[in-house]
Amino acid sequence: QVQLVESGGGLVRPGGSLNLSCVRSGSIFSFYSMGWYRQAPGKQRELVATITSGGDTNYADSVKGRFTISRDNAKNTVSLQMNNLKPEDTAVYYCNAKRVPGSPGYWGQGTQVTVSS
């Protein structure tokens, strides 16, 4: 059973930083990609950033230049460094892992990020 456990969310003032981490366990197979999605109240879940096992990254336009995704394949972890946070970044952030491109993959339970003064 694949498990994804996120950590690092919290409350931060606008302009502040947070680092989210996700640890994957329960599978001996390699995963094509890992990434982060978010869902704000009343909105659909949206992609934030993804990274493949080869290191290729993809970011939502709204976070380019502010967020950085990284991956440690040996430790089965993916991290999201979030800088210059804005109130519109407030959401529940979910970790995702896909074995196959385009598949729904596996999801973590989510971690709340709140940006407010």
Protein backbone atom coordinates (compact mmCIF):
# COMPACT_ATOMS: atom_id res chain seq x y z
CA GLN A 1 0.00 0.00 0.00
CA VAL A 2 1.53 3.27 -1.14
CA GLN A 3 1.50 6.01 1.46
CA LEU A 4 2.35 9.66 1.07
CA VAL A 5 2.84 11.73 4.21
CA GLU A 6 3.12 15.51 3.95
CA SER A 7 4.53 17.92 6.50
CA GLY A 8 5.56 21.55 6.76
CA GLY A 9 2.32 23.48 6.36
CA GLY A 10 1.26 26.30 8.64
CA LEU A 11 0.42 29.96 8.99
CA VAL A 12 2.76 32.53 7.49
CA ARG A 13 2.61 36.24 6.76
CA PRO A 14 2.61 37.54 3.18
CA GLY A 15 6.15 37.57 1.84
CA GLY A 16 7.17 34.72 4.10
CA SER A 17 8.43 31.23 3.29
CA LEU A 18 7.49 27.64 4.00
CA ASN A 19 8.99 24.31 3.02
CA LEU A 20 6.69 21.34 2.41
CA SER A 21 7.97 17.78 2.44
CA CYS A 22 6.40 14.50 1.35
CA VAL A 23 7.70 11.03 2.11
CA ARG A 24 6.59 8.07 0.03
CA SER A 25 6.52 4.53 1.41
CA GLY A 26 4.98 1.13 0.71
CA SER A 27 6.25 0.43 -2.80
CA ILE A 28 9.37 -1.13 -4.21
CA PHE A 29 8.64 0.24 -7.67
CA SER A 30 10.04 3.45 -9.03
CA PHE A 31 7.71 6.35 -9.69
CA TYR A 32 7.67 8.42 -12.85
CA SER A 33 6.84 11.69 -11.11
CA MET A 34 6.03 13.29 -7.81
CA GLY A 35 4.50 16.65 -7.25
CA TRP A 36 2.29 19.08 -5.41
CA TYR A 37 -1.26 20.16 -6.04
CA ARG A 38 -3.42 22.55 -4.05
CA GLN A 39 -7.08 23.19 -3.44
CA ALA A 40 -8.46 26.43 -2.08
CA PRO A 41 -11.98 26.67 -0.60
CA GLY A 42 -14.60 26.60 -3.32
CA LYS A 43 -12.06 25.90 -6.05
CA GLN A 44 -10.88 22.85 -7.96
CA ARG A 45 -7.61 21.14 -7.17
CA GLU A 46 -4.83 22.55 -9.32
CA LEU A 47 -1.27 21.63 -10.18
CA VAL A 48 1.44 23.55 -8.36
CA ALA A 49 4.63 21.78 -9.43
CA THR A 50 5.84 18.35 -10.53
CA ILE A 51 9.21 16.71 -10.96
CA THR A 52 10.10 13.52 -12.81
CA SER A 53 12.58 10.90 -11.70
CA GLY A 54 14.93 12.40 -14.24
CA GLY A 55 14.65 15.86 -12.71
CA ASP A 56 12.38 17.55 -15.26
CA THR A 57 10.16 20.12 -13.56
CA ASN A 58 6.86 21.77 -14.37
CA TYR A 59 5.35 24.74 -12.52
CA ALA A 60 2.06 26.56 -12.54
CA ASP A 61 2.52 30.05 -13.95
CA SER A 62 1.27 31.55 -10.69
CA VAL A 63 4.20 30.12 -8.71
CA LYS A 64 7.08 30.35 -11.19
CA GLY A 65 10.01 32.20 -9.70
CA ARG A 66 8.67 31.82 -6.15
CA PHE A 67 8.39 28.05 -5.60
CA THR A 68 11.05 25.39 -6.14
CA ILE A 69 10.38 21.67 -6.24
CA SER A 70 13.08 19.11 -5.52
CA ARG A 71 13.24 15.35 -5.22
CA ASP A 72 15.47 12.82 -3.48
CA ASN A 73 14.95 9.52 -5.27
CA ALA A 74 17.03 7.57 -2.77
CA LYS A 75 14.87 8.78 0.13
CA ASN A 76 11.58 8.74 -1.81
CA THR A 77 10.88 12.33 -0.86
CA VAL A 78 9.75 15.45 -2.66
CA SER A 79 9.96 18.96 -1.26
CA LEU A 80 8.46 22.30 -2.17
CA GLN A 81 10.25 25.46 -1.11
CA MET A 82 7.75 28.31 -1.20
CA ASN A 83 9.06 31.88 -1.04
CA ASN A 84 7.35 35.26 -1.23
CA LEU A 85 4.05 33.70 -0.29
CA LYS A 86 0.85 35.54 -1.13
CA PRO A 87 -2.66 35.31 0.37
CA GLU A 88 -3.80 33.62 -2.84
CA ASP A 89 -1.44 30.74 -2.08
CA THR A 90 -3.69 29.79 0.82
CA ALA A 91 -4.92 26.24 0.23
CA VAL A 92 -4.60 22.62 1.24
CA TYR A 93 -1.49 21.28 -0.46
CA TYR A 94 -1.49 17.65 -1.56
CA CYS A 95 1.43 15.43 -2.49
CA ASN A 96 1.00 13.20 -5.53
CA ALA A 97 3.03 10.33 -6.95
CA LYS A 98 2.53 8.72 -10.34
CA ARG A 99 4.00 5.48 -11.62
CA VAL A 100 2.75 6.16 -15.13
CA PRO A 101 2.48 9.51 -16.91
CA GLY A 102 -1.10 10.72 -17.09
CA SER A 103 -2.39 8.36 -14.40
CA PRO A 104 -4.18 9.80 -11.36
CA GLY A 105 -1.50 8.41 -9.07
CA TYR A 106 -1.54 8.34 -5.31
CA TRP A 107 -2.42 11.18 -2.95
CA GLY A 108 -1.40 12.27 0.50
CA GLN A 109 -3.81 13.53 3.11
CA GLY A 110 -2.95 17.18 2.54
CA THR A 111 -1.37 19.93 4.61
CA GLN A 112 -2.88 23.37 5.20
CA VAL A 113 -0.99 26.47 4.12
CA THR A 114 -2.45 29.80 5.23
CA VAL A 115 -0.95 33.11 4.17
CA SER A 116 -2.39 35.96 6.17
CA SER A 117 -1.33 39.06 8.03
